[in-house]
Amino acid sequence: MNTQIRQSSLEMFISNRLRERIPQVGRDLSVTALSDGTVYVRGAVRSTQEAAIVRDLVREIPGVTEVFCNTALAVKEAHIA
């Protein structure tokens, strides 16, 4: 049970950090943290640079040992009138 609390706390902390630092993207990302500190981030980003920022932000969080980002570039639709 204690491990589950730590995992969910880490997931919430990471999610909140991403929303604070990159609000336009952070809310569209899903975070899963394992008991060994491995973190999986999934979702859409607007650029490869943004994906690198996400990865780096998660890596610097205490308790995170490894980060796997499964992100895809969000495609903007062109509206033709």
N, C-alpha and C. Protein backbone atom coordinates (compact mmCIF):
# COMPACT_ATOMS: atom_id res chain seq x y z
N MET A 1 0.82 -1.20 0.00
CA MET A 1 0.00 0.00 0.00
C MET A 1 0.87 1.26 0.00
N ASN A 2 1.91 1.28 0.82
CA ASN A 2 2.79 2.44 0.89
C ASN A 2 3.43 2.72 -0.47
N THR A 3 3.79 1.66 -1.20
CA THR A 3 4.37 1.82 -2.53
C THR A 3 3.37 2.47 -3.48
N GLN A 4 2.10 2.07 -3.39
CA GLN A 4 1.07 2.66 -4.23
C GLN A 4 0.90 4.14 -3.94
N ILE A 5 0.98 4.52 -2.66
CA ILE A 5 0.86 5.93 -2.30
C ILE A 5 2.02 6.71 -2.90
N ARG A 6 3.23 6.18 -2.78
CA ARG A 6 4.39 6.87 -3.36
C ARG A 6 4.27 6.99 -4.86
N GLN A 7 3.81 5.91 -5.52
CA GLN A 7 3.66 5.94 -6.98
C GLN A 7 2.65 7.00 -7.38
N SER A 8 1.49 7.01 -6.74
CA SER A 8 0.47 7.98 -7.13
C SER A 8 0.90 9.39 -6.77
N SER A 9 1.63 9.56 -5.67
CA SER A 9 2.15 10.88 -5.32
C SER A 9 3.16 11.36 -6.35
N LEU A 10 4.02 10.46 -6.79
CA LEU A 10 5.01 10.82 -7.80
C LEU A 10 4.31 11.17 -9.12
N GLU A 11 3.31 10.38 -9.49
CA GLU A 11 2.55 10.67 -10.71
C GLU A 11 1.89 12.04 -10.63
N MET A 12 1.26 12.33 -9.49
CA MET A 12 0.60 13.63 -9.33
C MET A 12 1.62 14.77 -9.35
N PHE A 13 2.74 14.58 -8.69
CA PHE A 13 3.78 15.60 -8.65
C PHE A 13 4.28 15.90 -10.06
N ILE A 14 4.56 14.85 -10.83
CA ILE A 14 5.06 15.03 -12.19
C ILE A 14 4.00 15.71 -13.06
N SER A 15 2.77 15.24 -12.98
CA SER A 15 1.69 15.84 -13.77
C SER A 15 1.54 17.33 -13.45
N ASN A 16 1.56 17.65 -12.16
CA ASN A 16 1.45 19.06 -11.76
C ASN A 16 2.62 19.88 -12.25
N ARG A 17 3.82 19.33 -12.16
CA ARG A 17 5.01 20.04 -12.63
C ARG A 17 4.92 20.32 -14.12
N LEU A 18 4.49 19.34 -14.90
CA LEU A 18 4.37 19.53 -16.34
C LEU A 18 3.31 20.59 -16.66
N ARG A 19 2.18 20.56 -15.94
CA ARG A 19 1.13 21.56 -16.17
C ARG A 19 1.60 22.96 -15.80
N GLU A 20 2.42 23.06 -14.76
CA GLU A 20 2.94 24.37 -14.33
C GLU A 20 3.95 24.92 -15.34
N ARG A 21 4.86 24.08 -15.78
CA ARG A 21 5.97 24.54 -16.63
C ARG A 21 5.58 24.70 -18.09
N ILE A 22 4.74 23.82 -18.59
CA ILE A 22 4.29 23.90 -19.99
C ILE A 22 2.78 23.65 -20.04
N PRO A 23 2.01 24.62 -19.57
CA PRO A 23 0.56 24.41 -19.41
C PRO A 23 -0.18 24.04 -20.69
N GLN A 24 0.27 24.54 -21.83
CA GLN A 24 -0.42 24.25 -23.08
C GLN A 24 -0.26 22.79 -23.50
N VAL A 25 0.70 22.07 -22.93
CA VAL A 25 0.93 20.67 -23.27
C VAL A 25 0.73 19.75 -22.07
N GLY A 26 1.13 20.21 -20.91
CA GLY A 26 1.11 19.38 -19.71
C GLY A 26 -0.22 18.72 -19.42
N ARG A 27 -1.31 19.41 -19.72
CA ARG A 27 -2.64 18.83 -19.43
C ARG A 27 -2.99 17.69 -20.37
N ASP A 28 -2.27 17.57 -21.50
CA ASP A 28 -2.56 16.52 -22.48
C ASP A 28 -1.65 15.30 -22.34
N LEU A 29 -0.86 15.28 -21.28
CA LEU A 29 0.07 14.17 -21.08
C LEU A 29 -0.40 13.26 -19.96
N SER A 30 -0.16 11.98 -20.13
CA SER A 30 -0.50 10.98 -19.12
C SER A 30 0.80 10.48 -18.50
N VAL A 31 0.83 10.37 -17.18
CA VAL A 31 2.04 9.96 -16.47
C VAL A 31 1.76 8.69 -15.68
N THR A 32 2.65 7.71 -15.82
CA THR A 32 2.60 6.49 -15.02
C THR A 32 3.96 6.31 -14.36
N ALA A 33 3.95 6.15 -13.03
CA ALA A 33 5.20 5.95 -12.29
C ALA A 33 5.19 4.57 -11.66
N LEU A 34 6.30 3.87 -11.77
CA LEU A 34 6.46 2.55 -11.15
C LEU A 34 7.19 2.70 -9.83
N SER A 35 7.13 1.68 -9.00
CA SER A 35 7.73 1.74 -7.67
C SER A 35 9.25 1.90 -7.70
N ASP A 36 9.88 1.53 -8.80
CA ASP A 36 11.35 1.67 -8.90
C ASP A 36 11.78 3.04 -9.42
N GLY A 37 10.81 3.96 -9.62
CA GLY A 37 11.14 5.30 -10.11
C GLY A 37 11.09 5.44 -11.61
N THR A 38 10.75 4.38 -12.30
CA THR A 38 10.60 4.45 -13.76
C THR A 38 9.31 5.20 -14.07
N VAL A 39 9.38 6.14 -15.00
CA VAL A 39 8.22 6.96 -15.35
C VAL A 39 7.96 6.85 -16.85
N TYR A 40 6.69 6.66 -17.19
CA TYR A 40 6.23 6.64 -18.57
C TYR A 40 5.36 7.87 -18.81
N VAL A 41 5.68 8.62 -19.84
CA VAL A 41 4.90 9.80 -20.20
C VAL A 41 4.35 9.55 -21.60
N ARG A 42 3.03 9.74 -21.74
CA ARG A 42 2.37 9.53 -23.03
C ARG A 42 1.52 10.74 -23.36
N GLY A 43 1.43 11.04 -24.66
CA GLY A 43 0.55 12.13 -25.08
C GLY A 43 1.11 12.87 -26.27
N ALA A 44 0.50 14.01 -26.54
CA ALA A 44 0.87 14.81 -27.71
C ALA A 44 1.66 16.05 -27.30
N VAL A 45 2.66 16.37 -28.08
CA VAL A 45 3.45 17.58 -27.92
C VAL A 45 3.45 18.33 -29.25
N ARG A 46 3.86 19.59 -29.22
CA ARG A 46 3.81 20.39 -30.44
C ARG A 46 5.10 20.37 -31.25
N SER A 47 6.19 19.89 -30.64
CA SER A 47 7.46 19.86 -31.36
C SER A 47 8.40 18.86 -30.70
N THR A 48 9.47 18.53 -31.40
CA THR A 48 10.47 17.63 -30.81
C THR A 48 11.18 18.33 -29.66
N GLN A 49 11.31 19.65 -29.74
CA GLN A 49 11.93 20.41 -28.65
C GLN A 49 11.07 20.31 -27.39
N GLU A 50 9.76 20.38 -27.57
CA GLU A 50 8.85 20.26 -26.44
C GLU A 50 8.94 18.86 -25.82
N ALA A 51 9.08 17.85 -26.63
CA ALA A 51 9.24 16.48 -26.12
C ALA A 51 10.52 16.39 -25.27
N ALA A 52 11.58 17.04 -25.71
CA ALA A 52 12.83 17.03 -24.95
C ALA A 52 12.67 17.79 -23.63
N ILE A 53 11.91 18.87 -23.62
CA ILE A 53 11.65 19.62 -22.40
C ILE A 53 10.88 18.76 -21.41
N VAL A 54 9.87 18.05 -21.90
CA VAL A 54 9.09 17.16 -21.05
C VAL A 54 10.01 16.12 -20.42
N ARG A 55 10.81 15.47 -21.23
CA ARG A 55 11.73 14.43 -20.74
C ARG A 55 12.68 15.01 -19.68
N ASP A 56 13.26 16.18 -19.97
CA ASP A 56 14.21 16.77 -19.04
C ASP A 56 13.56 17.21 -17.73
N LEU A 57 12.35 17.76 -17.81
CA LEU A 57 11.63 18.15 -16.59
C LEU A 57 11.37 16.95 -15.70
N VAL A 58 10.96 15.85 -16.31
CA VAL A 58 10.67 14.64 -15.52
C VAL A 58 11.95 14.07 -14.93
N ARG A 59 13.03 14.07 -15.69
CA ARG A 59 14.31 13.51 -15.21
C ARG A 59 14.83 14.22 -13.97
N GLU A 60 14.56 15.51 -13.84
CA GLU A 60 15.14 16.27 -12.73
C GLU A 60 14.34 16.12 -11.42
N ILE A 61 13.24 15.40 -11.45
CA ILE A 61 12.41 15.24 -10.26
C ILE A 61 13.00 14.15 -9.36
N PRO A 62 13.18 14.46 -8.07
CA PRO A 62 13.71 13.46 -7.14
C PRO A 62 12.83 12.21 -7.10
N GLY A 63 13.47 11.06 -7.11
CA GLY A 63 12.74 9.79 -7.09
C GLY A 63 12.59 9.16 -8.46
N VAL A 64 12.80 9.95 -9.52
CA VAL A 64 12.70 9.42 -10.88
C VAL A 64 14.05 8.82 -11.25
N THR A 65 14.03 7.56 -11.66
CA THR A 65 15.27 6.87 -12.02
C THR A 65 15.43 6.71 -13.53
N GLU A 66 14.30 6.64 -14.23
CA GLU A 66 14.35 6.43 -15.69
C GLU A 66 13.06 7.00 -16.28
N VAL A 67 13.18 7.57 -17.49
CA VAL A 67 12.03 8.20 -18.14
C VAL A 67 11.87 7.62 -19.55
N PHE A 68 10.65 7.20 -19.86
CA PHE A 68 10.30 6.77 -21.20
C PHE A 68 9.18 7.67 -21.70
N CYS A 69 9.46 8.41 -22.76
CA CYS A 69 8.46 9.30 -23.33
C CYS A 69 7.92 8.69 -24.61
N ASN A 70 6.63 8.49 -24.62
CA ASN A 70 5.94 8.01 -25.80
C ASN A 70 5.03 9.14 -26.25
N THR A 71 5.64 10.14 -26.89
CA THR A 71 4.89 11.31 -27.30
C THR A 71 4.80 11.36 -28.82
N ALA A 72 3.75 12.00 -29.27
CA ALA A 72 3.53 12.17 -30.71
C ALA A 72 3.35 13.65 -30.99
N LEU A 73 3.75 14.05 -32.17
CA LEU A 73 3.57 15.45 -32.56
C LEU A 73 2.10 15.70 -32.87
N ALA A 74 1.56 16.73 -32.24
CA ALA A 74 0.18 17.12 -32.51
C ALA A 74 0.15 17.83 -33.86
N VAL A 75 -0.83 17.50 -34.64
CA VAL A 75 -0.95 18.09 -35.98
C VAL A 75 -2.03 19.16 -35.93
N LYS A 76 -1.66 20.36 -36.36
CA LYS A 76 -2.64 21.43 -36.45
C LYS A 76 -3.40 21.29 -37.76
N GLU A 77 -4.70 21.38 -37.66
CA GLU A 77 -5.51 21.30 -38.87
C GLU A 77 -5.63 22.68 -39.50
N ALA A 78 -5.45 22.73 -40.79
CA ALA A 78 -5.62 23.99 -41.51
C ALA A 78 -7.10 24.13 -41.88
N HIS A 79 -7.63 25.28 -41.60
CA HIS A 79 -9.03 25.54 -41.93
C HIS A 79 -9.08 26.30 -43.25
N ILE A 80 -9.70 25.70 -44.22
CA ILE A 80 -9.81 26.32 -45.54
C ILE A 80 -11.22 26.89 -45.67
N ALA A 81 -11.26 28.17 -45.98
CA ALA A 81 -12.56 28.83 -46.09
C ALA A 81 -12.99 28.88 -47.54
